[in-house]
């Protein structure tokens, strides 16, 4: 039988475990001071980052406020313009309808007499206003002559219209209410 030869396996250390280290007191104090310094440094960095984010948040809020106010102002102006346009459109339509009615009414019999009466009424109202605001008053030569008063009113109207076209007060006065 052959002889068995046993060899002893070699022992190698694959791992070391240190269980308790007690450095000298000066080294331990230095390590504690270094750890404390690191903690303070991280705290200061976190605080400064927090302040930076706070400033950024306030700036963004101010920016949004400005943008929203601007948009609100723009919308307000757009709404006002749209309302004004609608008012002008409605007024123009009403004026056109009333002019069409007046034109149709002038085609009827006696329309000229009715228009003369209306102009005479307005002439008398104008004299009444003038009398209430001034101590001097001009009266027509013949107040019973309605057609003469109407003709005179139309003449004054044409004269005032011509005076305003020439420059208002510089051309001899203008109508003022």
N, C-alpha and C. Protein backbone atom coordinates (compact mmCIF):
# COMPACT_ATOMS: atom_id res chain seq x y z
N UNK A 1 0.82 -1.13 0.00
CA UNK A 1 0.00 0.00 0.00
C UNK A 1 0.88 1.21 0.00
N UNK A 2 0.45 2.10 -0.78
CA UNK A 2 1.31 3.25 -0.84
C UNK A 2 1.15 4.08 0.40
N UNK A 3 2.10 4.81 0.74
CA UNK A 3 2.07 5.64 1.93
C UNK A 3 1.40 6.98 1.61
N UNK A 4 0.55 7.34 2.48
CA UNK A 4 -0.16 8.62 2.31
C UNK A 4 0.68 9.73 2.93
N UNK A 5 0.73 10.77 2.24
CA UNK A 5 1.51 11.87 2.74
C UNK A 5 0.57 13.06 2.95
N UNK A 6 0.53 13.41 4.14
CA UNK A 6 -0.32 14.54 4.48
C UNK A 6 0.52 15.78 4.56
N UNK A 7 0.07 16.81 3.88
CA UNK A 7 0.79 18.07 4.01
C UNK A 7 -0.09 19.04 4.78
N UNK A 8 0.57 19.80 5.47
CA UNK A 8 -0.16 20.76 6.29
C UNK A 8 -0.52 21.97 5.43
N UNK A 9 -1.79 22.35 5.40
CA UNK A 9 -2.16 23.52 4.60
C UNK A 9 -1.55 24.78 5.21
N UNK A 10 -1.20 25.72 4.34
CA UNK A 10 -0.62 26.97 4.83
C UNK A 10 -1.73 27.88 5.32
N UNK A 11 -1.44 28.57 6.37
CA UNK A 11 -2.46 29.46 6.92
C UNK A 11 -2.17 30.89 6.47
N UNK A 12 -3.21 31.43 5.91
CA UNK A 12 -3.10 32.84 5.51
C UNK A 12 -4.21 33.61 6.22
N UNK A 13 -3.93 34.87 6.59
CA UNK A 13 -4.92 35.72 7.25
C UNK A 13 -5.63 36.53 6.18
N UNK A 14 -6.90 36.35 6.08
CA UNK A 14 -7.67 37.05 5.06
C UNK A 14 -8.36 38.29 5.62
N UNK A 15 -8.53 38.39 6.91
CA UNK A 15 -9.25 39.52 7.46
C UNK A 15 -8.79 39.77 8.88
N UNK A 16 -8.75 41.09 9.21
CA UNK A 16 -8.41 41.48 10.58
C UNK A 16 -9.57 42.26 11.13
N UNK A 17 -9.84 42.15 12.35
CA UNK A 17 -10.91 42.90 12.99
C UNK A 17 -10.33 43.61 14.19
N UNK A 18 -10.51 44.91 14.21
CA UNK A 18 -10.02 45.70 15.33
C UNK A 18 -11.22 45.97 16.20
N UNK A 19 -11.13 45.61 17.40
CA UNK A 19 -12.28 45.70 18.28
C UNK A 19 -12.29 46.98 19.11
N UNK A 20 -11.28 47.41 19.60
CA UNK A 20 -11.29 48.56 20.49
C UNK A 20 -9.97 49.31 20.34
N UNK A 21 -10.11 50.56 19.92
CA UNK A 21 -8.92 51.38 19.79
C UNK A 21 -9.06 52.52 20.79
N UNK A 22 -8.11 52.78 21.48
CA UNK A 22 -8.10 53.89 22.42
C UNK A 22 -6.90 54.76 22.08
N UNK A 23 -7.15 55.79 21.22
CA UNK A 23 -6.03 56.66 20.89
C UNK A 23 -5.67 57.51 22.09
N UNK A 24 -4.53 58.09 22.08
CA UNK A 24 -4.14 58.96 23.18
C UNK A 24 -5.09 60.17 23.26
N UNK A 25 -5.21 60.76 24.41
CA UNK A 25 -6.13 61.87 24.67
C UNK A 25 -5.93 63.05 23.73
N UNK A 26 -4.70 63.51 23.41
CA UNK A 26 -4.56 64.65 22.49
C UNK A 26 -5.09 64.30 21.08
N UNK A 27 -4.86 63.08 20.62
CA UNK A 27 -5.36 62.67 19.31
C UNK A 27 -6.89 62.60 19.34
N UNK A 28 -7.44 62.10 20.41
CA UNK A 28 -8.89 62.00 20.54
C UNK A 28 -9.53 63.40 20.53
N UNK A 29 -8.93 64.38 21.23
CA UNK A 29 -9.46 65.75 21.24
C UNK A 29 -9.37 66.36 19.85
N UNK A 30 -8.30 66.11 19.16
CA UNK A 30 -8.14 66.64 17.80
C UNK A 30 -9.19 66.05 16.86
N UNK A 31 -9.47 64.77 17.01
CA UNK A 31 -10.50 64.14 16.18
C UNK A 31 -11.89 64.72 16.48
N UNK A 32 -12.18 64.96 17.75
CA UNK A 32 -13.46 65.54 18.14
C UNK A 32 -13.59 66.96 17.60
N UNK A 33 -12.50 67.73 17.66
CA UNK A 33 -12.53 69.11 17.14
C UNK A 33 -12.74 69.10 15.63
N UNK A 34 -12.13 68.16 14.94
CA UNK A 34 -12.32 68.07 13.50
C UNK A 34 -13.75 67.69 13.16
N UNK A 35 -14.33 66.77 13.90
CA UNK A 35 -15.73 66.37 13.66
C UNK A 35 -16.67 67.55 13.93
N UNK A 36 -16.41 68.30 14.99
CA UNK A 36 -17.24 69.47 15.31
C UNK A 36 -17.12 70.53 14.21
N UNK A 37 -15.92 70.74 13.72
CA UNK A 37 -15.71 71.72 12.64
C UNK A 37 -16.49 71.29 11.38
N UNK A 38 -16.48 70.01 11.07
CA UNK A 38 -17.23 69.51 9.91
C UNK A 38 -18.73 69.73 10.10
N UNK A 39 -19.23 69.49 11.31
CA UNK A 39 -20.66 69.71 11.58
C UNK A 39 -21.03 71.18 11.42
N UNK A 40 -20.18 72.09 11.95
CA UNK A 40 -20.45 73.53 11.81
C UNK A 40 -20.41 73.94 10.34
N UNK A 41 -19.47 73.43 9.61
CA UNK A 41 -19.35 73.75 8.18
C UNK A 41 -20.61 73.33 7.43
N UNK A 42 -21.08 72.10 7.67
CA UNK A 42 -22.31 71.62 7.01
C UNK A 42 -23.52 72.46 7.41
N UNK A 43 -23.60 72.86 8.69
CA UNK A 43 -24.71 73.70 9.16
C UNK A 43 -24.69 75.06 8.47
N UNK A 44 -23.52 75.66 8.32
CA UNK A 44 -23.41 76.96 7.65
C UNK A 44 -23.78 76.83 6.17
N UNK A 45 -23.34 75.76 5.55
CA UNK A 45 -23.68 75.56 4.14
C UNK A 45 -25.19 75.40 3.98
N UNK A 46 -25.81 74.60 4.84
CA UNK A 46 -27.27 74.42 4.77
C UNK A 46 -28.00 75.73 5.03
N UNK A 47 -27.52 76.51 5.99
CA UNK A 47 -28.15 77.79 6.29
C UNK A 47 -28.05 78.75 5.11
N UNK A 48 -26.86 78.83 4.49
CA UNK A 48 -26.69 79.74 3.36
C UNK A 48 -27.52 79.28 2.16
N UNK A 49 -27.62 77.98 1.95
CA UNK A 49 -28.45 77.48 0.85
C UNK A 49 -29.92 77.79 1.12
N UNK A 50 -30.33 77.71 2.39
CA UNK A 50 -31.70 78.06 2.75
C UNK A 50 -31.98 79.54 2.50
N UNK A 51 -31.03 80.42 2.88
CA UNK A 51 -31.18 81.85 2.63
C UNK A 51 -31.24 82.14 1.13
N UNK A 52 -30.38 81.47 0.37
CA UNK A 52 -30.36 81.66 -1.08
C UNK A 52 -31.71 81.25 -1.68
N UNK A 53 -32.24 80.13 -1.28
CA UNK A 53 -33.53 79.68 -1.80
C UNK A 53 -34.64 80.63 -1.39
N UNK A 54 -34.55 81.18 -0.19
CA UNK A 54 -35.55 82.15 0.28
C UNK A 54 -35.54 83.40 -0.59
N UNK A 55 -34.33 83.91 -0.90
CA UNK A 55 -34.22 85.10 -1.77
C UNK A 55 -34.78 84.79 -3.15
N UNK A 56 -34.45 83.62 -3.68
CA UNK A 56 -34.96 83.23 -5.01
C UNK A 56 -36.49 83.14 -4.98
N UNK A 57 -37.04 82.55 -3.94
CA UNK A 57 -38.50 82.42 -3.85
C UNK A 57 -39.17 83.79 -3.79
N UNK A 58 -38.60 84.72 -3.01
CA UNK A 58 -39.20 86.06 -2.94
C UNK A 58 -39.11 86.77 -4.29
N UNK A 59 -37.98 86.61 -4.99
CA UNK A 59 -37.83 87.25 -6.30
C UNK A 59 -38.82 86.67 -7.31
N UNK A 60 -39.00 85.36 -7.28
CA UNK A 60 -39.96 84.75 -8.19
C UNK A 60 -41.38 85.18 -7.87
N UNK A 61 -41.70 85.32 -6.59
CA UNK A 61 -43.03 85.78 -6.20
C UNK A 61 -43.27 87.22 -6.68
N UNK A 62 -42.25 88.06 -6.55
CA UNK A 62 -42.38 89.45 -7.01
C UNK A 62 -42.56 89.48 -8.53
N UNK A 63 -41.82 88.65 -9.23
CA UNK A 63 -41.93 88.58 -10.69
C UNK A 63 -43.34 88.14 -11.09
N UNK A 64 -43.85 87.10 -10.45
CA UNK A 64 -45.22 86.63 -10.76
C UNK A 64 -46.24 87.70 -10.46
N UNK A 65 -46.03 88.44 -9.37
CA UNK A 65 -46.94 89.52 -9.02
C UNK A 65 -46.97 90.58 -10.11
N UNK A 66 -45.78 90.95 -10.61
CA UNK A 66 -45.70 91.97 -11.67
C UNK A 66 -46.38 91.46 -12.94
N UNK A 67 -46.12 90.21 -13.29
CA UNK A 67 -46.72 89.64 -14.51
C UNK A 67 -48.24 89.59 -14.38
N UNK A 68 -48.73 89.14 -13.23
CA UNK A 68 -50.18 89.04 -13.04
C UNK A 68 -50.84 90.41 -13.05
N UNK A 69 -50.20 91.39 -12.42
CA UNK A 69 -50.76 92.76 -12.45
C UNK A 69 -50.79 93.30 -13.87
N UNK A 70 -49.73 93.05 -14.61
CA UNK A 70 -49.66 93.51 -16.00
C UNK A 70 -50.76 92.86 -16.84
N UNK A 71 -50.94 91.56 -16.67
CA UNK A 71 -51.98 90.86 -17.42
C UNK A 71 -53.36 91.36 -17.02
N UNK A 72 -53.56 91.63 -15.75
CA UNK A 72 -54.85 92.15 -15.29
C UNK A 72 -55.11 93.54 -15.87
N UNK A 73 -54.08 94.38 -15.90
CA UNK A 73 -54.22 95.73 -16.46
C UNK A 73 -54.54 95.65 -17.96
N UNK A 74 -53.83 94.75 -18.66
CA UNK A 74 -54.07 94.59 -20.10
C UNK A 74 -55.50 94.10 -20.34
N UNK A 75 -55.97 93.16 -19.54
CA UNK A 75 -57.34 92.64 -19.68
C UNK A 75 -58.36 93.74 -19.37
N UNK A 76 -58.05 94.55 -18.36
CA UNK A 76 -58.95 95.65 -18.00
C UNK A 76 -59.09 96.64 -19.17
N UNK A 77 -57.94 96.99 -19.78
CA UNK A 77 -57.98 97.90 -20.93
C UNK A 77 -58.72 97.28 -22.11
N UNK A 78 -58.51 95.99 -22.34
CA UNK A 78 -59.20 95.31 -23.44
C UNK A 78 -60.71 95.29 -23.19
N UNK A 79 -61.11 95.03 -21.96
CA UNK A 79 -62.54 95.03 -21.63
C UNK A 79 -63.14 96.43 -21.81
N UNK A 80 -62.41 97.45 -21.37
CA UNK A 80 -62.90 98.83 -21.52
C UNK A 80 -63.04 99.19 -22.99
N UNK A 81 -62.05 98.82 -23.79
CA UNK A 81 -62.10 99.11 -25.23
C UNK A 81 -63.26 98.37 -25.89
N UNK A 82 -63.47 97.13 -25.49
CA UNK A 82 -64.57 96.36 -26.06
C UNK A 82 -65.91 96.98 -25.66
N UNK A 83 -66.02 97.42 -24.41
CA UNK A 83 -67.25 98.08 -23.96
C UNK A 83 -67.49 99.38 -24.72
N UNK A 84 -66.42 100.17 -24.91
CA UNK A 84 -66.54 101.43 -25.65
C UNK A 84 -66.96 101.16 -27.09
N UNK A 85 -66.37 100.13 -27.70
CA UNK A 85 -66.72 99.80 -29.08
C UNK A 85 -68.19 99.38 -29.18
N UNK A 86 -68.63 98.60 -28.21
CA UNK A 86 -70.04 98.16 -28.20
C UNK A 86 -70.97 99.37 -28.01
N UNK A 87 -70.57 100.29 -27.13
CA UNK A 87 -71.37 101.50 -26.91
C UNK A 87 -71.46 102.31 -28.20
N UNK A 88 -70.32 102.51 -28.87
CA UNK A 88 -70.32 103.29 -30.12
C UNK A 88 -71.15 102.60 -31.19
N UNK A 89 -71.05 101.29 -31.28
CA UNK A 89 -71.82 100.53 -32.28
C UNK A 89 -73.32 100.68 -32.00
N UNK A 90 -73.69 100.53 -30.74
CA UNK A 90 -75.11 100.65 -30.37
C UNK A 90 -75.62 102.06 -30.61
N UNK A 91 -74.82 103.06 -30.26
CA UNK A 91 -75.21 104.46 -30.48
C UNK A 91 -75.36 104.75 -31.96
N UNK A 92 -74.43 104.27 -32.77
CA UNK A 92 -74.51 104.49 -34.22
C UNK A 92 -75.74 103.83 -34.80
N UNK A 93 -76.05 102.61 -34.35
CA UNK A 93 -77.24 101.93 -34.85
C UNK A 93 -78.51 102.68 -34.45
N UNK A 94 -78.54 103.17 -33.21
CA UNK A 94 -79.71 103.93 -32.75
C UNK A 94 -79.85 105.24 -33.52
N UNK A 95 -78.73 105.91 -33.76
CA UNK A 95 -78.77 107.16 -34.52
C UNK A 95 -79.24 106.90 -35.94
N UNK A 96 -78.73 105.85 -36.55
CA UNK A 96 -79.14 105.52 -37.91
C UNK A 96 -80.64 105.21 -37.97
N UNK A 97 -81.13 104.46 -36.99
CA UNK A 97 -82.56 104.13 -36.96
C UNK A 97 -83.40 105.39 -36.77
N UNK A 98 -82.96 106.29 -35.90
CA UNK A 98 -83.75 107.51 -35.68
C UNK A 98 -83.72 108.40 -36.92
N UNK A 99 -82.57 108.47 -37.60
CA UNK A 99 -82.50 109.27 -38.83
C UNK A 99 -83.38 108.68 -39.92
N UNK A 100 -83.44 107.36 -39.99
CA UNK A 100 -84.32 106.73 -40.97
C UNK A 100 -85.78 107.07 -40.67
N UNK A 101 -86.14 107.08 -39.38
CA UNK A 101 -87.52 107.43 -39.00
C UNK A 101 -87.81 108.89 -39.33
N UNK A 102 -86.84 109.77 -39.03
CA UNK A 102 -87.05 111.19 -39.33
C UNK A 102 -87.19 111.38 -40.84
N UNK A 103 -86.33 110.72 -41.60
CA UNK A 103 -86.41 110.84 -43.06
C UNK A 103 -87.75 110.33 -43.57
N UNK A 104 -88.22 109.24 -43.02
CA UNK A 104 -89.52 108.70 -43.43
C UNK A 104 -90.64 109.65 -43.01
N UNK A 105 -90.48 110.28 -41.83
CA UNK A 105 -91.51 111.20 -41.35
C UNK A 105 -91.57 112.45 -42.23
N UNK A 106 -90.45 112.90 -42.76
CA UNK A 106 -90.45 114.08 -43.62
C UNK A 106 -91.19 113.84 -44.93
N UNK A 107 -91.36 112.61 -45.30
CA UNK A 107 -92.09 112.30 -46.53
C UNK A 107 -93.60 112.40 -46.33
N UNK A 108 -94.02 112.39 -45.07
CA UNK A 108 -95.45 112.45 -44.77
C UNK A 108 -95.96 113.88 -44.95
N UNK A 109 -97.28 114.00 -45.12
CA UNK A 109 -97.90 115.30 -45.30
C UNK A 109 -97.85 116.07 -43.99
N UNK A 110 -97.48 117.34 -44.05
CA UNK A 110 -97.39 118.20 -42.87
C UNK A 110 -96.08 118.06 -42.11
N UNK A 111 -95.15 117.32 -42.64
CA UNK A 111 -93.89 117.11 -41.95
C UNK A 111 -93.08 118.40 -41.85
N UNK A 112 -93.10 119.20 -42.88
CA UNK A 112 -92.35 120.45 -42.86
C UNK A 112 -92.89 121.37 -41.77
N UNK A 113 -94.23 121.42 -41.61
CA UNK A 113 -94.82 122.25 -40.56
C UNK A 113 -94.41 121.73 -39.18
N UNK A 114 -94.37 120.41 -39.02
CA UNK A 114 -93.99 119.81 -37.74
C UNK A 114 -92.52 120.12 -37.43
N UNK A 115 -91.68 120.05 -38.45
CA UNK A 115 -90.27 120.36 -38.24
C UNK A 115 -90.09 121.82 -37.88
N UNK A 116 -90.84 122.71 -38.55
CA UNK A 116 -90.77 124.13 -38.23
C UNK A 116 -91.21 124.38 -36.80
N UNK A 117 -92.25 123.70 -36.37
CA UNK A 117 -92.74 123.84 -35.00
C UNK A 117 -91.66 123.39 -34.01
N UNK A 118 -91.02 122.29 -34.31
CA UNK A 118 -89.98 121.77 -33.41
C UNK A 118 -88.79 122.74 -33.32
N UNK A 119 -88.38 123.29 -34.46
CA UNK A 119 -87.28 124.26 -34.46
C UNK A 119 -87.68 125.50 -33.68
N UNK A 120 -88.94 125.94 -33.83
CA UNK A 120 -89.42 127.11 -33.08
C UNK A 120 -89.42 126.83 -31.59
N UNK A 121 -89.81 125.62 -31.18
CA UNK A 121 -89.79 125.27 -29.76
C UNK A 121 -88.36 125.32 -29.22
N UNK A 122 -87.43 124.79 -29.99
CA UNK A 122 -86.04 124.81 -29.55
C UNK A 122 -85.50 126.24 -29.51
N UNK A 123 -85.96 127.08 -30.41
CA UNK A 123 -85.55 128.49 -30.44
C UNK A 123 -86.03 129.19 -29.17
N UNK A 124 -87.27 128.93 -28.78
CA UNK A 124 -87.83 129.54 -27.57
C UNK A 124 -87.08 129.02 -26.34
N UNK A 125 -86.78 127.73 -26.31
CA UNK A 125 -86.02 127.15 -25.20
C UNK A 125 -84.63 127.79 -25.10
N UNK A 126 -84.01 128.02 -26.24
CA UNK A 126 -82.70 128.65 -26.24
C UNK A 126 -82.79 130.06 -25.67
N UNK A 127 -83.82 130.81 -26.05
CA UNK A 127 -84.00 132.16 -25.49
C UNK A 127 -84.26 132.08 -24.00
N UNK A 128 -84.99 131.09 -23.55
CA UNK A 128 -85.26 130.95 -22.12
C UNK A 128 -83.95 130.68 -21.36
N UNK A 129 -83.10 129.85 -21.90
CA UNK A 129 -81.80 129.58 -21.26
C UNK A 129 -80.95 130.84 -21.23
N UNK A 130 -80.95 131.56 -22.34
CA UNK A 130 -80.18 132.79 -22.43
C UNK A 130 -80.69 133.81 -21.42
N UNK A 131 -81.98 133.90 -21.27
CA UNK A 131 -82.57 134.86 -20.34
C UNK A 131 -82.23 134.50 -18.89
N UNK A 132 -82.10 133.20 -18.61
CA UNK A 132 -81.81 132.80 -17.23
C UNK A 132 -80.34 132.97 -16.88
N UNK A 133 -79.47 133.05 -17.87
CA UNK A 133 -78.04 133.15 -17.59
C UNK A 133 -77.46 134.53 -17.87
N UNK A 134 -78.21 135.42 -18.49
CA UNK A 134 -77.66 136.72 -18.86
C UNK A 134 -78.65 137.81 -18.51
N UNK A 135 -78.13 139.00 -18.23
CA UNK A 135 -79.02 140.12 -17.94
C UNK A 135 -79.39 140.86 -19.22
N UNK A 136 -78.71 140.58 -20.31
CA UNK A 136 -79.00 141.20 -21.59
C UNK A 136 -79.62 140.15 -22.49
N UNK A 137 -80.69 140.56 -23.20
CA UNK A 137 -81.37 139.59 -24.04
C UNK A 137 -81.76 140.23 -25.35
N UNK A 138 -81.57 139.50 -26.43
CA UNK A 138 -82.00 139.94 -27.75
C UNK A 138 -83.29 139.22 -28.08
N UNK A 139 -84.28 139.97 -28.51
CA UNK A 139 -85.56 139.37 -28.88
C UNK A 139 -85.80 139.62 -30.36
N UNK A 140 -86.50 138.69 -31.00
CA UNK A 140 -86.82 138.91 -32.42
C UNK A 140 -87.78 140.08 -32.56
N UNK A 141 -87.75 140.72 -33.73
CA UNK A 141 -88.61 141.87 -33.97
C UNK A 141 -90.08 141.51 -33.95
N UNK A 142 -90.42 140.34 -34.42
CA UNK A 142 -91.82 139.93 -34.47
C UNK A 142 -91.92 138.51 -33.90
N UNK A 143 -92.12 138.34 -32.57
CA UNK A 143 -92.16 137.01 -31.97
C UNK A 143 -93.36 136.19 -32.43
N UNK A 144 -94.37 136.80 -33.01
CA UNK A 144 -95.55 136.06 -33.47
C UNK A 144 -95.29 135.39 -34.81
N UNK A 145 -94.23 135.83 -35.50
CA UNK A 145 -93.91 135.27 -36.82
C UNK A 145 -93.00 134.06 -36.62
N UNK A 146 -93.58 132.85 -36.51
CA UNK A 146 -92.82 131.63 -36.24
C UNK A 146 -91.88 131.31 -37.39
N UNK A 147 -92.34 131.52 -38.63
CA UNK A 147 -91.47 131.20 -39.76
C UNK A 147 -90.28 132.14 -39.79
N UNK A 148 -90.47 133.40 -39.40
CA UNK A 148 -89.35 134.35 -39.33
C UNK A 148 -88.37 133.95 -38.23
N UNK A 149 -88.92 133.48 -37.11
CA UNK A 149 -88.04 133.03 -36.02
C UNK A 149 -87.24 131.81 -36.46
N UNK A 150 -87.89 130.89 -37.17
CA UNK A 150 -87.20 129.69 -37.65
C UNK A 150 -86.11 130.09 -38.63
N UNK A 151 -86.43 130.99 -39.54
CA UNK A 151 -85.43 131.44 -40.51
C UNK A 151 -84.27 132.13 -39.80
N UNK A 152 -84.61 132.94 -38.80
CA UNK A 152 -83.55 133.62 -38.04
C UNK A 152 -82.71 132.59 -37.27
N UNK A 153 -83.34 131.58 -36.67
CA UNK A 153 -82.61 130.54 -35.94
C UNK A 153 -81.69 129.78 -36.87
N UNK A 154 -82.19 129.45 -38.05
CA UNK A 154 -81.35 128.74 -39.02
C UNK A 154 -80.20 129.62 -39.48
N UNK A 155 -80.45 130.91 -39.62
CA UNK A 155 -79.38 131.83 -40.00
C UNK A 155 -78.31 131.92 -38.92
N UNK A 156 -78.75 132.02 -37.66
CA UNK A 156 -77.80 132.05 -36.53
C UNK A 156 -77.03 130.74 -36.50
N UNK A 157 -77.73 129.63 -36.69
CA UNK A 157 -77.07 128.32 -36.69
C UNK A 157 -76.02 128.24 -37.78
N UNK A 158 -76.36 128.70 -38.98
CA UNK A 158 -75.39 128.67 -40.07
C UNK A 158 -74.21 129.59 -39.78
N UNK A 159 -74.49 130.75 -39.20
CA UNK A 159 -73.43 131.69 -38.87
C UNK A 159 -72.51 131.12 -37.78
N UNK A 160 -73.09 130.52 -36.75
CA UNK A 160 -72.28 129.92 -35.67
C UNK A 160 -71.48 128.76 -36.22
N UNK A 161 -72.08 127.94 -37.07
CA UNK A 161 -71.36 126.82 -37.68
C UNK A 161 -70.20 127.31 -38.52
N UNK A 162 -70.40 128.40 -39.28
CA UNK A 162 -69.33 128.96 -40.10
C UNK A 162 -68.24 129.55 -39.21
N UNK A 163 -68.62 130.19 -38.10
CA UNK A 163 -67.65 130.76 -37.17
C UNK A 163 -66.80 129.70 -36.53
N UNK A 164 -67.40 128.57 -36.18
CA UNK A 164 -66.63 127.47 -35.58
C UNK A 164 -65.70 126.86 -36.62
N UNK A 165 -66.15 126.80 -37.85
CA UNK A 165 -65.29 126.22 -38.89
C UNK A 165 -64.09 127.12 -39.15
N UNK A 166 -64.24 128.45 -38.92
CA UNK A 166 -63.13 129.37 -39.15
C UNK A 166 -62.20 129.52 -37.95
N UNK A 167 -62.52 128.91 -36.86
CA UNK A 167 -61.59 128.99 -35.74
C UNK A 167 -62.22 129.36 -34.43
N UNK A 168 -63.52 129.24 -34.31
CA UNK A 168 -64.19 129.42 -33.02
C UNK A 168 -64.16 130.87 -32.57
N UNK A 169 -63.59 131.15 -31.41
CA UNK A 169 -63.61 132.47 -30.82
C UNK A 169 -62.79 133.46 -31.63
N UNK A 170 -61.78 133.03 -32.33
CA UNK A 170 -60.96 133.94 -33.12
C UNK A 170 -61.72 134.46 -34.33
N UNK A 171 -62.73 133.74 -34.80
CA UNK A 171 -63.49 134.16 -35.97
C UNK A 171 -64.75 134.90 -35.60
N UNK A 172 -64.88 135.34 -34.38
CA UNK A 172 -66.06 136.12 -34.01
C UNK A 172 -66.91 135.40 -33.01
N UNK A 173 -66.37 134.45 -32.31
CA UNK A 173 -67.11 133.78 -31.27
C UNK A 173 -67.60 132.44 -31.74
N UNK A 174 -67.96 131.63 -30.80
CA UNK A 174 -68.50 130.31 -31.08
C UNK A 174 -69.59 130.01 -30.09
N UNK A 175 -70.34 129.00 -30.38
CA UNK A 175 -71.42 128.60 -29.48
C UNK A 175 -70.82 127.94 -28.25
N UNK A 176 -71.29 128.38 -27.09
CA UNK A 176 -70.84 127.77 -25.83
C UNK A 176 -72.05 127.41 -25.01
N UNK A 177 -71.98 126.28 -24.36
CA UNK A 177 -73.10 125.87 -23.52
C UNK A 177 -72.74 126.01 -22.08
